[in-house]
Amino acid sequence: MARPLLKIALYSSFLPFLVPTLAVALPPADDLPEEILRTEIITEARSPLDGEPLTAAEYAKLETQLQSSVQPIDPKTQVSPKVRRTINLLRLRRLIKTVFPFIPIK
């Protein structure tokens, strides 16, 4: 009696793998592949300032204006000498605690 039940259990466990099922995970047929979409030339854009639609020429012009108006800022000029000294002392303290962990530095 146990043999037929074992056969039924085995067959019923393999049955879903034997029956052809629909491919649910495939994209729709009219969907363009990503490889084709990557090769398309984008001719319209949005302004990074206010989000209005721009042509490619207007966008390129705006990008050059934005890049030319931005000046690099030296971080050393933004921090006062007192704060810079404190940061350097903290870095020194961290180095000392790494090399000599048993020295009680507060």
C-alpha atoms as a PDB file:
ATOM      1  CA  MET A   1       0.000   0.000   0.000  1.00  0.00           C
ATOM      2  CA  ALA A   2       2.879   2.349   0.696  1.00  0.00           C
ATOM      3  CA  ARG A   3       4.379   1.836  -2.779  1.00  0.00           C
ATOM      4  CA  PRO A   4       1.468   3.356  -4.782  1.00  0.00           C
ATOM      5  CA  LEU A   5       1.312   6.333  -2.438  1.00  0.00           C
ATOM      6  CA  LEU A   6       5.042   6.887  -2.885  1.00  0.00           C
ATOM      7  CA  LYS A   7       4.689   6.772  -6.673  1.00  0.00           C
ATOM      8  CA  ILE A   8       1.806   9.224  -6.595  1.00  0.00           C
ATOM      9  CA  ALA A   9       3.770  11.590  -4.373  1.00  0.00           C
ATOM     10  CA  LEU A  10       6.791  11.439  -6.657  1.00  0.00           C
ATOM     11  CA  TYR A  11       4.779  11.944  -9.844  1.00  0.00           C
ATOM     12  CA  SER A  12       2.787  14.805  -8.381  1.00  0.00           C
ATOM     13  CA  SER A  13       5.980  16.564  -7.240  1.00  0.00           C
ATOM     14  CA  PHE A  14       7.503  16.395 -10.754  1.00  0.00           C
ATOM     15  CA  LEU A  15       4.268  17.209 -12.587  1.00  0.00           C
ATOM     16  CA  PRO A  16       4.645  21.029 -12.501  1.00  0.00           C
ATOM     17  CA  PHE A  17       8.062  20.710 -14.142  1.00  0.00           C
ATOM     18  CA  LEU A  18       6.771  18.510 -16.943  1.00  0.00           C
ATOM     19  CA  VAL A  19       3.749  20.607 -17.907  1.00  0.00           C
ATOM     20  CA  PRO A  20       4.654  23.485 -20.231  1.00  0.00           C
ATOM     21  CA  THR A  21       3.741  26.812 -18.673  1.00  0.00           C
ATOM     22  CA  LEU A  22       3.456  30.277 -20.107  1.00  0.00           C
ATOM     23  CA  ALA A  23       6.497  32.495 -19.922  1.00  0.00           C
ATOM     24  CA  VAL A  24       5.186  35.096 -17.505  1.00  0.00           C
ATOM     25  CA  ALA A  25       8.501  36.880 -16.953  1.00  0.00           C
ATOM     26  CA  LEU A  26       9.143  37.821 -20.591  1.00  0.00           C
ATOM     27  CA  PRO A  27       8.555  41.428 -21.699  1.00  0.00           C
ATOM     28  CA  PRO A  28       5.783  42.252 -24.154  1.00  0.00           C
ATOM     29  CA  ALA A  29       6.576  41.762 -27.843  1.00  0.00           C
ATOM     30  CA  ASP A  30       6.306  45.480 -28.679  1.00  0.00           C
ATOM     31  CA  ASP A  31       8.830  46.469 -25.976  1.00  0.00           C
ATOM     32  CA  LEU A  32      12.166  47.730 -27.346  1.00  0.00           C
ATOM     33  CA  PRO A  33      15.307  46.041 -25.973  1.00  0.00           C
ATOM     34  CA  GLU A  34      17.641  48.096 -23.802  1.00  0.00           C
ATOM     35  CA  GLU A  35      20.496  47.678 -26.296  1.00  0.00           C
ATOM     36  CA  ILE A  36      18.511  49.510 -28.966  1.00  0.00           C
ATOM     37  CA  LEU A  37      17.387  52.217 -26.558  1.00  0.00           C
ATOM     38  CA  ARG A  38      21.001  52.929 -25.584  1.00  0.00           C
ATOM     39  CA  THR A  39      21.941  53.671 -29.184  1.00  0.00           C
ATOM     40  CA  GLU A  40      19.165  56.210 -29.719  1.00  0.00           C
ATOM     41  CA  ILE A  41      20.228  59.835 -29.895  1.00  0.00           C
ATOM     42  CA  ILE A  42      18.397  61.984 -27.357  1.00  0.00           C
ATOM     43  CA  THR A  43      17.263  65.211 -28.986  1.00  0.00           C
ATOM     44  CA  GLU A  44      15.223  66.724 -26.181  1.00  0.00           C
ATOM     45  CA  ALA A  45      16.161  67.524 -22.620  1.00  0.00           C
ATOM     46  CA  ARG A  46      14.966  69.347 -19.522  1.00  0.00           C
ATOM     47  CA  SER A  47      16.603  72.328 -17.935  1.00  0.00           C
ATOM     48  CA  PRO A  48      18.438  71.489 -14.685  1.00  0.00           C
ATOM     49  CA  LEU A  49      17.398  74.881 -13.319  1.00  0.00           C
ATOM     50  CA  ASP A  50      13.631  74.919 -13.734  1.00  0.00           C
ATOM     51  CA  GLY A  51      12.737  71.684 -15.567  1.00  0.00           C
ATOM     52  CA  GLU A  52      11.383  73.288 -18.741  1.00  0.00           C
ATOM     53  CA  PRO A  53      11.828  71.374 -22.031  1.00  0.00           C
ATOM     54  CA  LEU A  54      14.881  72.345 -24.096  1.00  0.00           C
ATOM     55  CA  THR A  55      16.282  71.381 -27.465  1.00  0.00           C
ATOM     56  CA  ALA A  56      19.689  69.728 -27.667  1.00  0.00           C
ATOM     57  CA  ALA A  57      21.372  72.982 -28.746  1.00  0.00           C
ATOM     58  CA  GLU A  58      19.775  74.986 -25.926  1.00  0.00           C
ATOM     59  CA  TYR A  59      20.785  72.320 -23.416  1.00  0.00           C
ATOM     60  CA  ALA A  60      24.411  72.298 -24.618  1.00  0.00           C
ATOM     61  CA  LYS A  61      24.525  76.103 -24.433  1.00  0.00           C
ATOM     62  CA  LEU A  62      23.089  76.103 -20.899  1.00  0.00           C
ATOM     63  CA  GLU A  63      25.587  73.415 -19.779  1.00  0.00           C
ATOM     64  CA  THR A  64      28.547  75.447 -21.033  1.00  0.00           C
ATOM     65  CA  GLN A  65      27.219  78.551 -19.270  1.00  0.00           C
ATOM     66  CA  LEU A  66      26.788  76.662 -16.005  1.00  0.00           C
ATOM     67  CA  GLN A  67      30.242  75.070 -16.189  1.00  0.00           C
ATOM     68  CA  SER A  68      31.984  78.344 -16.984  1.00  0.00           C
ATOM     69  CA  SER A  69      30.256  80.190 -14.144  1.00  0.00           C
ATOM     70  CA  VAL A  70      31.296  77.680 -11.447  1.00  0.00           C
ATOM     71  CA  GLN A  71      34.679  78.454  -9.881  1.00  0.00           C
ATOM     72  CA  PRO A  72      36.474  75.761  -7.873  1.00  0.00           C
ATOM     73  CA  ILE A  73      36.564  76.535  -4.164  1.00  0.00           C
ATOM     74  CA  ASP A  74      39.670  75.818  -2.138  1.00  0.00           C
ATOM     75  CA  PRO A  75      38.550  74.136   1.109  1.00  0.00           C
ATOM     76  CA  LYS A  76      41.507  75.548   3.026  1.00  0.00           C
ATOM     77  CA  THR A  77      40.205  79.062   2.517  1.00  0.00           C
ATOM     78  CA  GLN A  78      36.781  78.059   3.852  1.00  0.00           C
ATOM     79  CA  VAL A  79      38.093  76.875   7.255  1.00  0.00           C
ATOM     80  CA  SER A  80      39.569  79.209   9.814  1.00  0.00           C
ATOM     81  CA  PRO A  81      43.149  78.530  10.980  1.00  0.00           C
ATOM     82  CA  LYS A  82      41.936  77.712  14.500  1.00  0.00           C
ATOM     83  CA  VAL A  83      39.564  75.013  13.236  1.00  0.00           C
ATOM     84  CA  ARG A  84      42.261  73.668  10.879  1.00  0.00           C
ATOM     85  CA  ARG A  85      44.659  73.398  13.845  1.00  0.00           C
ATOM     86  CA  THR A  86      42.023  71.525  15.878  1.00  0.00           C
ATOM     87  CA  ILE A  87      41.459  69.095  13.017  1.00  0.00           C
ATOM     88  CA  ASN A  88      45.186  68.457  12.711  1.00  0.00           C
ATOM     89  CA  LEU A  89      45.454  67.845  16.460  1.00  0.00           C
ATOM     90  CA  LEU A  90      42.583  65.354  16.289  1.00  0.00           C
ATOM     91  CA  ARG A  91      44.317  63.547  13.430  1.00  0.00           C
ATOM     92  CA  LEU A  92      47.541  63.443  15.473  1.00  0.00           C
ATOM     93  CA  ARG A  93      45.617  62.081  18.469  1.00  0.00           C
ATOM     94  CA  ARG A  94      44.082  59.354  16.306  1.00  0.00           C
ATOM     95  CA  LEU A  95      47.532  58.400  15.003  1.00  0.00           C
ATOM     96  CA  ILE A  96      48.979  58.221  18.511  1.00  0.00           C
ATOM     97  CA  LYS A  97      46.067  56.072  19.745  1.00  0.00           C
ATOM     98  CA  THR A  98      46.573  53.726  16.784  1.00  0.00           C
ATOM     99  CA  VAL A  99      50.285  53.265  17.443  1.00  0.00           C
ATOM    100  CA  PHE A 100      50.114  53.348  21.253  1.00  0.00           C
ATOM    101  CA  PRO A 101      46.639  52.160  22.308  1.00  0.00           C
ATOM    102  CA  PHE A 102      47.627  51.745  25.944  1.00  0.00           C
ATOM    103  CA  ILE A 103      48.462  55.474  26.497  1.00  0.00           C
ATOM    104  CA  PRO A 104      45.412  57.164  28.036  1.00  0.00           C
ATOM    105  CA  ILE A 105      44.891  60.242  25.827  1.00  0.00           C
ATOM    106  CA  LYS A 106      41.613  62.012  26.339  1.00  0.00           C
END
